[in-house]
N, C-alpha and C. Protein backbone atom coordinates (compact mmCIF):
# COMPACT_ATOMS: atom_id res chain seq x y z
N MET A 1 0.84 -1.16 0.00
CA MET A 1 0.00 0.00 0.00
C MET A 1 0.90 1.24 0.00
N SER A 2 0.57 2.24 -0.86
CA SER A 2 1.36 3.46 -0.94
C SER A 2 0.58 4.63 -0.34
N ILE A 3 1.33 5.60 0.13
CA ILE A 3 0.72 6.79 0.73
C ILE A 3 0.60 7.86 -0.36
N VAL A 4 -0.58 8.40 -0.51
CA VAL A 4 -0.84 9.45 -1.49
C VAL A 4 -0.82 10.78 -0.75
N ARG A 5 0.03 11.68 -1.23
CA ARG A 5 0.15 12.99 -0.58
C ARG A 5 -0.61 14.03 -1.41
N TYR A 6 -1.50 14.75 -0.79
CA TYR A 6 -2.26 15.80 -1.47
C TYR A 6 -1.65 17.16 -1.15
N ASP A 7 -1.70 18.04 -2.14
CA ASP A 7 -1.17 19.40 -1.96
C ASP A 7 -2.15 20.21 -1.12
N ASN A 8 -1.64 21.21 -0.49
CA ASN A 8 -2.45 22.12 0.30
C ASN A 8 -3.44 22.83 -0.64
N PRO A 9 -4.76 22.75 -0.40
CA PRO A 9 -5.72 23.38 -1.32
C PRO A 9 -5.56 24.88 -1.43
N VAL A 10 -5.14 25.55 -0.37
CA VAL A 10 -4.94 27.00 -0.43
C VAL A 10 -3.78 27.32 -1.37
N ARG A 11 -2.70 26.54 -1.29
CA ARG A 11 -1.56 26.76 -2.16
C ARG A 11 -1.93 26.50 -3.62
N THR A 12 -2.74 25.49 -3.86
CA THR A 12 -3.19 25.19 -5.22
C THR A 12 -4.02 26.35 -5.75
N PHE A 13 -4.89 26.91 -4.92
CA PHE A 13 -5.72 28.04 -5.31
C PHE A 13 -4.86 29.26 -5.64
N ASP A 14 -3.83 29.51 -4.82
CA ASP A 14 -2.91 30.63 -5.08
C ASP A 14 -2.20 30.48 -6.41
N LYS A 15 -1.86 29.27 -6.78
CA LYS A 15 -1.16 29.04 -8.06
C LYS A 15 -2.02 29.46 -9.24
N LEU A 16 -3.33 29.34 -9.11
CA LEU A 16 -4.22 29.73 -10.20
C LEU A 16 -4.15 31.23 -10.46
N PHE A 17 -4.07 32.03 -9.38
CA PHE A 17 -4.09 33.48 -9.53
C PHE A 17 -2.72 34.11 -9.67
N TYR A 18 -1.70 33.43 -9.21
CA TYR A 18 -0.35 33.99 -9.25
C TYR A 18 0.55 33.14 -10.13
N PHE A 19 0.04 32.66 -11.23
CA PHE A 19 0.79 31.80 -12.14
C PHE A 19 1.84 32.62 -12.89
N ASP A 20 3.07 32.19 -12.79
CA ASP A 20 4.17 32.83 -13.48
C ASP A 20 4.81 31.80 -14.39
N PRO A 21 4.63 31.90 -15.72
CA PRO A 21 5.14 30.87 -16.63
C PRO A 21 6.65 30.68 -16.53
N LEU A 22 7.40 31.76 -16.32
CA LEU A 22 8.86 31.61 -16.24
C LEU A 22 9.27 30.81 -15.01
N THR A 23 8.59 31.07 -13.90
CA THR A 23 8.88 30.33 -12.68
C THR A 23 8.56 28.85 -12.86
N GLU A 24 7.40 28.56 -13.43
CA GLU A 24 6.99 27.17 -13.63
C GLU A 24 7.92 26.46 -14.62
N PHE A 25 8.37 27.17 -15.65
CA PHE A 25 9.31 26.60 -16.62
C PHE A 25 10.63 26.25 -15.94
N ALA A 26 11.12 27.18 -15.12
CA ALA A 26 12.38 26.94 -14.40
C ALA A 26 12.23 25.77 -13.45
N ARG A 27 11.10 25.71 -12.75
CA ARG A 27 10.85 24.62 -11.81
C ARG A 27 10.79 23.28 -12.53
N ALA A 28 10.16 23.24 -13.70
CA ALA A 28 10.02 21.99 -14.46
C ALA A 28 11.36 21.43 -14.91
N PHE A 29 12.33 22.29 -15.17
CA PHE A 29 13.64 21.84 -15.65
C PHE A 29 14.70 21.88 -14.56
N GLY A 30 14.25 21.99 -13.30
CA GLY A 30 15.17 21.91 -12.19
C GLY A 30 16.08 23.11 -12.03
N GLN A 31 15.73 24.24 -12.62
CA GLN A 31 16.54 25.44 -12.49
C GLN A 31 16.15 26.17 -11.21
N PRO A 32 17.11 26.87 -10.60
CA PRO A 32 16.75 27.65 -9.41
C PRO A 32 15.79 28.77 -9.79
N VAL A 33 14.82 29.00 -8.94
CA VAL A 33 13.83 30.05 -9.18
C VAL A 33 14.29 31.31 -8.47
N SER A 34 14.44 32.38 -9.22
CA SER A 34 14.90 33.65 -8.64
C SER A 34 13.95 34.76 -9.02
N HIS A 35 13.58 35.54 -8.04
CA HIS A 35 12.73 36.71 -8.29
C HIS A 35 13.50 37.98 -8.01
N ASN A 36 14.81 37.92 -8.10
CA ASN A 36 15.64 39.07 -7.74
C ASN A 36 15.92 40.01 -8.90
N THR A 37 15.49 39.69 -10.09
CA THR A 37 15.79 40.56 -11.22
C THR A 37 14.51 41.14 -11.78
N ALA A 38 14.59 42.37 -12.23
CA ALA A 38 13.44 43.04 -12.83
C ALA A 38 13.43 42.76 -14.32
N PRO A 39 12.24 42.68 -14.92
CA PRO A 39 12.18 42.56 -16.37
C PRO A 39 12.87 43.75 -17.01
N THR A 40 13.43 43.56 -18.20
CA THR A 40 14.24 44.62 -18.79
C THR A 40 13.45 45.60 -19.64
N ALA A 41 12.31 45.24 -20.12
CA ALA A 41 11.56 46.13 -21.00
C ALA A 41 10.32 46.66 -20.28
N TRP A 42 9.98 47.89 -20.57
CA TRP A 42 8.77 48.45 -19.99
C TRP A 42 8.23 49.52 -20.90
N THR A 43 6.97 49.82 -20.73
CA THR A 43 6.30 50.86 -21.50
C THR A 43 5.50 51.70 -20.52
N PRO A 44 5.75 53.01 -20.47
CA PRO A 44 4.99 53.83 -19.53
C PRO A 44 3.53 53.95 -19.95
N ALA A 45 2.65 54.02 -18.95
CA ALA A 45 1.22 54.19 -19.21
C ALA A 45 0.96 55.63 -19.65
N VAL A 46 0.05 55.80 -20.62
CA VAL A 46 -0.27 57.12 -21.16
C VAL A 46 -1.79 57.29 -21.22
N ASP A 47 -2.27 58.42 -20.71
CA ASP A 47 -3.67 58.80 -20.85
C ASP A 47 -3.72 59.96 -21.84
N VAL A 48 -4.63 59.89 -22.81
CA VAL A 48 -4.76 60.95 -23.82
C VAL A 48 -6.15 61.56 -23.69
N ALA A 49 -6.19 62.89 -23.56
CA ALA A 49 -7.46 63.61 -23.47
C ALA A 49 -7.51 64.63 -24.60
N GLU A 50 -8.70 64.87 -25.11
CA GLU A 50 -8.86 65.87 -26.16
C GLU A 50 -9.97 66.83 -25.77
N THR A 51 -9.66 68.13 -25.82
CA THR A 51 -10.64 69.17 -25.56
C THR A 51 -10.81 69.96 -26.86
N GLU A 52 -11.63 71.00 -26.81
CA GLU A 52 -11.80 71.85 -27.99
C GLU A 52 -10.52 72.61 -28.29
N GLU A 53 -9.71 72.87 -27.27
CA GLU A 53 -8.51 73.69 -27.42
C GLU A 53 -7.23 72.90 -27.68
N ALA A 54 -7.12 71.67 -27.11
CA ALA A 54 -5.83 70.97 -27.17
C ALA A 54 -5.98 69.47 -27.01
N ILE A 55 -4.89 68.78 -27.30
CA ILE A 55 -4.73 67.37 -27.00
C ILE A 55 -3.73 67.32 -25.84
N VAL A 56 -4.09 66.59 -24.78
CA VAL A 56 -3.23 66.53 -23.59
C VAL A 56 -2.90 65.08 -23.28
N LEU A 57 -1.60 64.81 -23.12
CA LEU A 57 -1.13 63.48 -22.75
C LEU A 57 -0.59 63.51 -21.33
N HIS A 58 -0.93 62.51 -20.54
CA HIS A 58 -0.38 62.32 -19.20
C HIS A 58 0.39 61.01 -19.24
N VAL A 59 1.70 61.08 -19.00
CA VAL A 59 2.58 59.92 -19.11
C VAL A 59 3.16 59.62 -17.73
N GLU A 60 2.99 58.38 -17.26
CA GLU A 60 3.52 57.98 -15.96
C GLU A 60 4.99 57.60 -16.10
N LEU A 61 5.86 58.40 -15.47
CA LEU A 61 7.31 58.17 -15.52
C LEU A 61 7.92 58.30 -14.13
N PRO A 62 7.44 57.54 -13.15
CA PRO A 62 7.96 57.69 -11.80
C PRO A 62 9.44 57.30 -11.71
N GLY A 63 10.16 58.05 -10.91
CA GLY A 63 11.57 57.75 -10.69
C GLY A 63 12.50 58.26 -11.76
N MET A 64 11.99 58.96 -12.76
CA MET A 64 12.84 59.48 -13.82
C MET A 64 13.10 60.97 -13.60
N LYS A 65 14.20 61.43 -14.14
CA LYS A 65 14.52 62.86 -14.12
C LYS A 65 14.13 63.43 -15.47
N GLN A 66 13.81 64.73 -15.50
CA GLN A 66 13.37 65.35 -16.75
C GLN A 66 14.44 65.29 -17.83
N GLU A 67 15.72 65.22 -17.45
CA GLU A 67 16.81 65.13 -18.43
C GLU A 67 16.82 63.78 -19.14
N GLU A 68 16.17 62.78 -18.56
CA GLU A 68 16.15 61.44 -19.14
C GLU A 68 14.99 61.23 -20.11
N ILE A 69 14.19 62.27 -20.33
CA ILE A 69 13.01 62.18 -21.18
C ILE A 69 13.22 62.99 -22.44
N ASP A 70 12.93 62.40 -23.60
CA ASP A 70 13.08 63.07 -24.88
C ASP A 70 11.72 63.09 -25.58
N ILE A 71 11.27 64.28 -25.98
CA ILE A 71 9.99 64.45 -26.67
C ILE A 71 10.29 65.05 -28.03
N GLU A 72 9.73 64.46 -29.08
CA GLU A 72 9.97 64.95 -30.44
C GLU A 72 8.64 64.97 -31.21
N LEU A 73 8.38 66.09 -31.87
CA LEU A 73 7.19 66.23 -32.70
C LEU A 73 7.64 66.45 -34.13
N THR A 74 7.36 65.47 -34.99
CA THR A 74 7.72 65.55 -36.40
C THR A 74 6.46 65.34 -37.22
N GLY A 75 6.05 66.40 -37.93
CA GLY A 75 4.82 66.30 -38.71
C GLY A 75 3.63 66.03 -37.80
N ASP A 76 2.96 64.91 -38.02
CA ASP A 76 1.80 64.55 -37.18
C ASP A 76 2.13 63.41 -36.22
N THR A 77 3.42 63.18 -35.94
CA THR A 77 3.83 62.10 -35.04
C THR A 77 4.57 62.66 -33.82
N LEU A 78 4.06 62.32 -32.65
CA LEU A 78 4.69 62.68 -31.38
C LEU A 78 5.40 61.43 -30.86
N THR A 79 6.70 61.56 -30.56
CA THR A 79 7.48 60.43 -30.08
C THR A 79 8.08 60.75 -28.72
N LEU A 80 7.92 59.82 -27.78
CA LEU A 80 8.49 59.93 -26.44
C LEU A 80 9.55 58.85 -26.31
N ARG A 81 10.72 59.23 -25.81
CA ARG A 81 11.80 58.27 -25.58
C ARG A 81 12.42 58.54 -24.23
N GLY A 82 13.03 57.51 -23.67
CA GLY A 82 13.73 57.69 -22.41
C GLY A 82 14.28 56.38 -21.91
N GLU A 83 14.92 56.46 -20.76
CA GLU A 83 15.46 55.26 -20.14
C GLU A 83 15.43 55.42 -18.64
N ARG A 84 14.82 54.44 -18.00
CA ARG A 84 14.82 54.42 -16.54
C ARG A 84 15.89 53.43 -16.12
N LYS A 85 16.85 53.92 -15.36
CA LYS A 85 17.99 53.11 -14.93
C LYS A 85 17.55 52.09 -13.88
N ALA A 86 18.10 50.89 -13.96
CA ALA A 86 17.81 49.85 -12.98
C ALA A 86 18.62 50.10 -11.72
N THR A 87 17.97 49.92 -10.59
CA THR A 87 18.64 50.05 -9.30
C THR A 87 18.58 48.69 -8.64
N THR A 88 19.74 48.07 -8.42
CA THR A 88 19.75 46.73 -7.85
C THR A 88 20.42 46.67 -6.49
N GLU A 89 21.02 47.74 -6.06
CA GLU A 89 21.76 47.73 -4.80
C GLU A 89 20.82 47.71 -3.59
N GLY A 90 21.04 46.74 -2.71
CA GLY A 90 20.32 46.69 -1.45
C GLY A 90 18.91 46.14 -1.51
N PHE A 91 18.47 45.63 -2.65
CA PHE A 91 17.11 45.11 -2.74
C PHE A 91 17.13 43.58 -2.71
N ALA A 92 16.18 42.99 -2.01
CA ALA A 92 16.01 41.54 -2.01
C ALA A 92 15.08 41.12 -3.14
N ARG A 93 14.22 42.05 -3.57
CA ARG A 93 13.27 41.76 -4.64
C ARG A 93 13.00 43.06 -5.39
N ILE A 94 12.99 42.99 -6.70
CA ILE A 94 12.72 44.17 -7.52
C ILE A 94 11.57 43.85 -8.46
N GLU A 95 10.51 44.65 -8.40
CA GLU A 95 9.35 44.46 -9.27
C GLU A 95 9.14 45.61 -10.23
N ARG A 96 9.78 46.76 -9.97
CA ARG A 96 9.64 47.89 -10.88
C ARG A 96 10.46 47.63 -12.12
N ARG A 97 9.89 47.91 -13.26
CA ARG A 97 10.58 47.68 -14.52
C ARG A 97 11.49 48.84 -14.86
N SER A 98 12.52 48.54 -15.63
CA SER A 98 13.46 49.57 -16.05
C SER A 98 13.91 49.28 -17.47
N GLY A 99 14.66 50.21 -18.03
CA GLY A 99 15.16 50.05 -19.38
C GLY A 99 14.71 51.18 -20.29
N LYS A 100 15.04 51.04 -21.56
CA LYS A 100 14.68 52.05 -22.55
C LYS A 100 13.24 51.86 -22.99
N PHE A 101 12.62 52.97 -23.38
CA PHE A 101 11.27 52.90 -23.94
C PHE A 101 11.15 53.91 -25.06
N ALA A 102 10.21 53.66 -25.95
CA ALA A 102 9.87 54.60 -27.02
C ALA A 102 8.39 54.40 -27.34
N ARG A 103 7.65 55.50 -27.35
CA ARG A 103 6.22 55.46 -27.70
C ARG A 103 5.96 56.54 -28.74
N SER A 104 5.20 56.20 -29.76
CA SER A 104 4.85 57.16 -30.81
C SER A 104 3.34 57.25 -30.93
N PHE A 105 2.87 58.46 -31.17
CA PHE A 105 1.44 58.72 -31.32
C PHE A 105 1.22 59.51 -32.60
N THR A 106 0.31 59.05 -33.44
CA THR A 106 -0.05 59.78 -34.65
C THR A 106 -1.22 60.69 -34.30
N LEU A 107 -1.03 61.98 -34.53
CA LEU A 107 -2.06 62.96 -34.20
C LEU A 107 -3.02 63.12 -35.37
N ALA A 108 -4.29 62.92 -35.10
CA ALA A 108 -5.31 63.04 -36.15
C ALA A 108 -5.69 64.48 -36.42
N THR A 109 -5.36 65.38 -35.48
CA THR A 109 -5.69 66.79 -35.58
C THR A 109 -4.41 67.60 -35.69
N PRO A 110 -4.33 68.55 -36.63
CA PRO A 110 -3.14 69.41 -36.70
C PRO A 110 -2.98 70.23 -35.42
N VAL A 111 -1.73 70.41 -34.97
CA VAL A 111 -1.45 71.17 -33.76
C VAL A 111 -0.50 72.32 -34.08
N GLN A 112 -0.44 73.28 -33.16
CA GLN A 112 0.47 74.43 -33.29
C GLN A 112 1.82 74.00 -32.70
N ASN A 113 2.74 73.59 -33.55
CA ASN A 113 4.03 73.05 -33.11
C ASN A 113 4.79 73.99 -32.18
N GLU A 114 4.76 75.28 -32.48
CA GLU A 114 5.54 76.24 -31.68
C GLU A 114 4.96 76.48 -30.29
N LYS A 115 3.72 76.05 -30.04
CA LYS A 115 3.09 76.27 -28.74
C LYS A 115 2.96 74.99 -27.90
N VAL A 116 3.56 73.90 -28.35
CA VAL A 116 3.53 72.65 -27.58
C VAL A 116 4.34 72.84 -26.31
N SER A 117 3.80 72.36 -25.18
CA SER A 117 4.51 72.50 -23.90
C SER A 117 4.49 71.17 -23.15
N ALA A 118 5.48 71.02 -22.26
CA ALA A 118 5.57 69.81 -21.43
C ALA A 118 5.96 70.20 -20.02
N ALA A 119 5.30 69.60 -19.04
CA ALA A 119 5.61 69.85 -17.63
C ALA A 119 5.72 68.50 -16.92
N TYR A 120 6.71 68.38 -16.04
CA TYR A 120 6.95 67.13 -15.32
C TYR A 120 6.81 67.38 -13.82
N ARG A 121 5.77 66.78 -13.22
CA ARG A 121 5.50 66.96 -11.79
C ARG A 121 5.12 65.62 -11.18
N ASN A 122 5.74 65.32 -10.04
CA ASN A 122 5.39 64.13 -9.25
C ASN A 122 5.37 62.84 -10.08
N GLY A 123 6.32 62.70 -10.98
CA GLY A 123 6.43 61.48 -11.76
C GLY A 123 5.48 61.37 -12.94
N VAL A 124 4.73 62.45 -13.22
CA VAL A 124 3.80 62.45 -14.35
C VAL A 124 4.19 63.57 -15.31
N LEU A 125 4.41 63.19 -16.56
CA LEU A 125 4.73 64.15 -17.62
C LEU A 125 3.43 64.54 -18.30
N GLU A 126 3.17 65.86 -18.37
CA GLU A 126 1.97 66.35 -19.05
C GLU A 126 2.41 67.11 -20.29
N ILE A 127 1.97 66.63 -21.46
CA ILE A 127 2.29 67.27 -22.73
C ILE A 127 1.01 67.88 -23.27
N THR A 128 1.05 69.19 -23.54
CA THR A 128 -0.12 69.90 -24.06
C THR A 128 0.18 70.29 -25.50
N LEU A 129 -0.68 69.85 -26.40
CA LEU A 129 -0.54 70.13 -27.83
C LEU A 129 -1.73 70.98 -28.27
N PRO A 130 -1.59 72.31 -28.31
CA PRO A 130 -2.70 73.17 -28.72
C PRO A 130 -3.10 72.89 -30.17
N LYS A 131 -4.40 72.82 -30.39
CA LYS A 131 -4.89 72.55 -31.75
C LYS A 131 -4.68 73.76 -32.64
N SER A 132 -4.53 73.49 -33.92
CA SER A 132 -4.39 74.54 -34.91
C SER A 132 -5.70 75.33 -34.98
N GLU A 133 -5.60 76.63 -35.27
CA GLU A 133 -6.79 77.49 -35.33
C GLU A 133 -7.81 77.00 -36.34
N GLU A 134 -7.34 76.42 -37.45
CA GLU A 134 -8.27 75.96 -38.50
C GLU A 134 -9.15 74.80 -38.02
N THR A 135 -8.67 74.04 -37.06
CA THR A 135 -9.42 72.86 -36.63
C THR A 135 -10.31 73.10 -35.42
N LYS A 136 -10.15 74.24 -34.77
CA LYS A 136 -10.98 74.55 -33.60
C LYS A 136 -12.40 74.85 -34.05
N PRO A 137 -13.39 74.36 -33.30
CA PRO A 137 -14.76 74.68 -33.66
C PRO A 137 -15.05 76.17 -33.41
N ARG A 138 -15.85 76.75 -34.26
CA ARG A 138 -16.21 78.15 -34.06
C ARG A 138 -17.69 78.32 -34.36
N LYS A 139 -18.27 79.28 -33.70
CA LYS A 139 -19.70 79.56 -33.90
C LYS A 139 -19.87 80.50 -35.08
N ILE A 140 -20.89 80.23 -35.84
CA ILE A 140 -21.21 81.08 -36.99
C ILE A 140 -22.57 81.71 -36.73
N ALA A 141 -22.61 83.01 -36.77
CA ALA A 141 -23.85 83.73 -36.51
C ALA A 141 -24.79 83.63 -37.71
N VAL A 142 -26.04 83.46 -37.41
CA VAL A 142 -27.06 83.38 -38.45
C VAL A 142 -27.78 84.73 -38.49
N THR A 143 -27.84 85.32 -39.67
CA THR A 143 -28.52 86.60 -39.81
C THR A 143 -29.85 86.39 -40.52
N ALA A 144 -30.80 87.21 -40.17
CA ALA A 144 -32.12 87.11 -40.79
C ALA A 144 -32.21 88.12 -41.94
N GLU A 145 -32.80 87.68 -43.01
CA GLU A 145 -32.98 88.58 -44.15
C GLU A 145 -34.28 89.35 -43.96
N ALA A 146 -34.27 90.61 -44.35
CA ALA A 146 -35.44 91.46 -44.17
C ALA A 146 -36.41 91.35 -45.34
């Protein structure tokens, strides 16, 4: 007669929600499992809002300095580039991503290139792209004929 060992049901349930394919792959081939390294690629989150006056982008770039951010507007394409340096000293576990990133946005509305502005506060970059005068909505008065 053999003894059948069952896994802890709570641990089995946790595996369903916290499944990490790289960890399971390493475990299957007898490799040591390490969570001490951060993934090398990342893409900052961007929110885009459009008003009658401008297109506004909010880009999450926590931990970066403004000198590490490059913004370029060429024609109807806005490109953001940068690099967040990895910090590995003194950490037992690193989950924040680091590395180079590049994001491009094609603008459907013409903007005033000379009036584009960017402000960086509390880890959020705000880029304001004022719309061209020709594309802004305007009211047209209706006159009555006598």
